[in-house]
């Protein structure tokens, strides 16, 4: 540029109005695309189905649970059960699992000689 034209502006064809018009069409186009996408999203939304929950009246019931497992069972505490009476069983007229009646003889035993001396 020469020093004579230093303060003047030069207009070039298509510089101002055409660019503003082009930008306006871009904004309008993006607005239309956004509106169409929003309308499509609203109209083609999946319909939500209501979840049906089965209910029943309250009643008292037993719960039966069956568990199967492999392994061994070990007690937490080991207890020895002993009788204060000692002696030898001479006769046992009942078997394991048989029914007994009151006052029925269940065993005949003989005390040890040391037990009679202590008593």
C-alpha atoms as a PDB file:
ATOM      1  CA  UNK A   1       0.000   0.000   0.000  1.00  0.00           C
ATOM      2  CA  UNK A   2       1.214   3.408  -0.804  1.00  0.00           C
ATOM      3  CA  UNK A   3       1.381   6.243   1.796  1.00  0.00           C
ATOM      4  CA  UNK A   4      -1.367   8.084  -0.015  1.00  0.00           C
ATOM      5  CA  UNK A   5      -3.947   5.373   0.609  1.00  0.00           C
ATOM      6  CA  UNK A   6      -2.905   4.666   4.208  1.00  0.00           C
ATOM      7  CA  UNK A   7      -6.106   5.964   5.900  1.00  0.00           C
ATOM      8  CA  UNK A   8      -8.687   4.686   3.458  1.00  0.00           C
ATOM      9  CA  UNK A   9     -10.392   1.328   3.399  1.00  0.00           C
ATOM     10  CA  UNK A  10     -10.771  -0.594   0.243  1.00  0.00           C
ATOM     11  CA  UNK A  11     -14.042  -2.439  -0.357  1.00  0.00           C
ATOM     12  CA  UNK A  12     -13.719  -5.755  -1.978  1.00  0.00           C
ATOM     13  CA  UNK A  13     -16.666  -7.467  -3.579  1.00  0.00           C
ATOM     14  CA  UNK A  14     -18.390 -10.158  -1.447  1.00  0.00           C
ATOM     15  CA  UNK A  15     -16.625  -9.142   1.708  1.00  0.00           C
ATOM     16  CA  UNK A  16     -19.399  -8.181   4.146  1.00  0.00           C
ATOM     17  CA  UNK A  17     -22.960  -8.912   3.126  1.00  0.00           C
ATOM     18  CA  UNK A  18     -22.364 -12.323   1.594  1.00  0.00           C
ATOM     19  CA  UNK A  19     -20.516 -13.600   4.668  1.00  0.00           C
ATOM     20  CA  UNK A  20     -23.234 -12.409   7.021  1.00  0.00           C
ATOM     21  CA  UNK A  21     -25.872 -14.066   4.811  1.00  0.00           C
ATOM     22  CA  UNK A  22     -23.889 -17.313   4.761  1.00  0.00           C
ATOM     23  CA  UNK A  23     -23.510 -17.332   8.556  1.00  0.00           C
ATOM     24  CA  UNK A  24     -27.237 -16.641   8.925  1.00  0.00           C
ATOM     25  CA  UNK A  25     -28.091 -19.672   6.738  1.00  0.00           C
ATOM     26  CA  UNK A  26     -25.739 -21.881   8.800  1.00  0.00           C
ATOM     27  CA  UNK A  27     -27.473 -20.824  12.025  1.00  0.00           C
ATOM     28  CA  UNK A  28     -30.915 -21.393  10.478  1.00  0.00           C
ATOM     29  CA  UNK A  29     -29.851 -24.802   9.135  1.00  0.00           C
ATOM     30  CA  UNK A  30     -28.454 -25.943  12.485  1.00  0.00           C
ATOM     31  CA  UNK A  31     -31.632 -24.761  14.210  1.00  0.00           C
ATOM     32  CA  UNK A  32     -33.798 -26.744  11.781  1.00  0.00           C
ATOM     33  CA  UNK A  33     -31.654 -29.889  12.206  1.00  0.00           C
ATOM     34  CA  UNK A  34     -31.828 -29.549  16.011  1.00  0.00           C
ATOM     35  CA  UNK A  35     -35.610 -29.080  15.930  1.00  0.00           C
ATOM     36  CA  UNK A  36     -36.088 -32.110  13.651  1.00  0.00           C
ATOM     37  CA  UNK A  37     -33.846 -34.260  15.887  1.00  0.00           C
ATOM     38  CA  UNK A  38     -35.783 -33.183  18.996  1.00  0.00           C
ATOM     39  CA  UNK A  39     -39.154 -33.926  17.403  1.00  0.00           C
ATOM     40  CA  UNK A  40     -37.914 -37.311  16.183  1.00  0.00           C
ATOM     41  CA  UNK A  41     -36.569 -38.165  19.652  1.00  0.00           C
ATOM     42  CA  UNK A  42     -39.852 -37.253  21.323  1.00  0.00           C
ATOM     43  CA  UNK A  43     -42.107 -39.103  18.870  1.00  0.00           C
ATOM     44  CA  UNK A  44     -39.984 -42.265  18.569  1.00  0.00           C
ATOM     45  CA  UNK A  45     -39.243 -42.667  22.262  1.00  0.00           C
ATOM     46  CA  UNK A  46     -39.580 -46.242  23.512  1.00  0.00           C
ATOM     47  CA  UNK A  47     -42.750 -46.740  25.452  1.00  0.00           C
ATOM     48  CA  UNK A  48     -42.002 -47.857  28.983  1.00  0.00           C
ATOM     49  CA  UNK A  49     -44.019 -50.813  30.126  1.00  0.00           C
ATOM     50  CA  UNK A  50     -45.202 -51.025  33.699  1.00  0.00           C
ATOM     51  CA  UNK A  51     -43.511 -53.695  35.755  1.00  0.00           C
ATOM     52  CA  UNK A  52     -45.989 -56.151  37.219  1.00  0.00           C
ATOM     53  CA  UNK A  53     -45.154 -57.173  40.775  1.00  0.00           C
ATOM     54  CA  UNK A  54     -46.806 -60.319  42.025  1.00  0.00           C
ATOM     55  CA  UNK A  55     -48.281 -59.979  45.512  1.00  0.00           C
ATOM     56  CA  UNK A  56     -49.928 -62.385  47.924  1.00  0.00           C
ATOM     57  CA  UNK A  57     -51.813 -62.215  51.193  1.00  0.00           C
ATOM     58  CA  UNK A  58     -49.742 -62.500  54.360  1.00  0.00           C
ATOM     59  CA  UNK A  59     -49.907 -65.926  55.940  1.00  0.00           C
ATOM     60  CA  UNK A  60     -47.779 -67.946  58.321  1.00  0.00           C
ATOM     61  CA  UNK A  61     -45.836 -70.774  56.605  1.00  0.00           C
ATOM     62  CA  UNK A  62     -42.917 -73.071  57.265  1.00  0.00           C
ATOM     63  CA  UNK A  63     -39.771 -72.591  55.234  1.00  0.00           C
ATOM     64  CA  UNK A  64     -38.125 -75.804  54.098  1.00  0.00           C
ATOM     65  CA  UNK A  65     -34.490 -75.583  53.082  1.00  0.00           C
ATOM     66  CA  UNK A  66     -32.424 -78.554  51.980  1.00  0.00           C
ATOM     67  CA  UNK A  67     -28.651 -78.337  52.013  1.00  0.00           C
ATOM     68  CA  UNK A  68     -26.338 -80.916  50.523  1.00  0.00           C
ATOM     69  CA  UNK A  69     -22.607 -80.845  51.151  1.00  0.00           C
ATOM     70  CA  UNK A  70     -19.601 -83.119  51.207  1.00  0.00           C
ATOM     71  CA  UNK A  71     -17.224 -83.232  54.148  1.00  0.00           C
ATOM     72  CA  UNK A  72     -17.137 -84.167  57.781  1.00  0.00           C
ATOM     73  CA  UNK A  73     -18.830 -82.687  60.818  1.00  0.00           C
ATOM     74  CA  UNK A  74     -16.713 -82.062  63.891  1.00  0.00           C
ATOM     75  CA  UNK A  75     -18.111 -80.942  67.242  1.00  0.00           C
ATOM     76  CA  UNK A  76     -17.071 -77.662  68.840  1.00  0.00           C
ATOM     77  CA  UNK A  77     -17.021 -79.219  72.335  1.00  0.00           C
ATOM     78  CA  UNK A  78     -16.486 -82.895  73.136  1.00  0.00           C
ATOM     79  CA  UNK A  79     -18.320 -84.059  76.264  1.00  0.00           C
ATOM     80  CA  UNK A  80     -17.998 -87.396  78.043  1.00  0.00           C
ATOM     81  CA  UNK A  81     -21.142 -88.694  79.696  1.00  0.00           C
ATOM     82  CA  UNK A  82     -20.515 -90.999  82.670  1.00  0.00           C
ATOM     83  CA  UNK A  83     -22.827 -92.570  85.157  1.00  0.00           C
ATOM     84  CA  UNK A  84     -22.248 -92.320  88.912  1.00  0.00           C
ATOM     85  CA  UNK A  85     -23.374 -95.906  89.177  1.00  0.00           C
ATOM     86  CA  UNK A  86     -20.904 -98.578  88.247  1.00  0.00           C
ATOM     87  CA  UNK A  87     -21.155-102.294  87.899  1.00  0.00           C
ATOM     88  CA  UNK A  88     -21.752-105.056  85.411  1.00  0.00           C
ATOM     89  CA  UNK A  89     -24.959-105.408  83.380  1.00  0.00           C
ATOM     90  CA  UNK A  90     -26.159-108.967  83.815  1.00  0.00           C
ATOM     91  CA  UNK A  91     -29.344-108.938  81.770  1.00  0.00           C
ATOM     92  CA  UNK A  92     -30.938-106.415  79.363  1.00  0.00           C
ATOM     93  CA  UNK A  93     -34.409-107.543  78.244  1.00  0.00           C
ATOM     94  CA  UNK A  94     -35.011-104.561  75.915  1.00  0.00           C
ATOM     95  CA  UNK A  95     -33.411-103.801  72.568  1.00  0.00           C
ATOM     96  CA  UNK A  96     -32.469-100.469  71.063  1.00  0.00           C
ATOM     97  CA  UNK A  97     -35.578 -98.810  69.634  1.00  0.00           C
ATOM     98  CA  UNK A  98     -38.089-101.037  71.429  1.00  0.00           C
ATOM     99  CA  UNK A  99     -41.083 -99.548  73.259  1.00  0.00           C
ATOM    100  CA  UNK A 100     -41.053 -99.707  77.028  1.00  0.00           C
ATOM    101  CA  UNK A 101     -43.825 -99.169  79.556  1.00  0.00           C
ATOM    102  CA  UNK A 102     -43.589 -97.540  82.988  1.00  0.00           C
ATOM    103  CA  UNK A 103     -42.167 -99.801  85.707  1.00  0.00           C
ATOM    104  CA  UNK A 104     -40.917-102.316  83.116  1.00  0.00           C
ATOM    105  CA  UNK A 105     -37.615-103.972  84.017  1.00  0.00           C
ATOM    106  CA  UNK A 106     -34.958-102.511  81.750  1.00  0.00           C
ATOM    107  CA  UNK A 107     -31.778-104.062  83.107  1.00  0.00           C
ATOM    108  CA  UNK A 108     -30.374-106.238  85.836  1.00  0.00           C
ATOM    109  CA  UNK A 109     -26.969-105.262  87.142  1.00  0.00           C
ATOM    110  CA  UNK A 110     -24.503-106.379  89.817  1.00  0.00           C
ATOM    111  CA  UNK A 111     -22.463-103.879  91.760  1.00  0.00           C
ATOM    112  CA  UNK A 112     -18.756-104.276  92.118  1.00  0.00           C
ATOM    113  CA  UNK A 113     -17.506-105.318  95.512  1.00  0.00           C
ATOM    114  CA  UNK A 114     -15.607-102.030  95.935  1.00  0.00           C
ATOM    115  CA  UNK A 115     -18.827-100.049  95.363  1.00  0.00           C
ATOM    116  CA  UNK A 116     -20.656-101.826  98.216  1.00  0.00           C
ATOM    117  CA  UNK A 117     -17.833-101.204 100.642  1.00  0.00           C
ATOM    118  CA  UNK A 118     -17.908 -97.457  99.885  1.00  0.00           C
ATOM    119  CA  UNK A 119     -21.661 -97.254 100.349  1.00  0.00           C
END
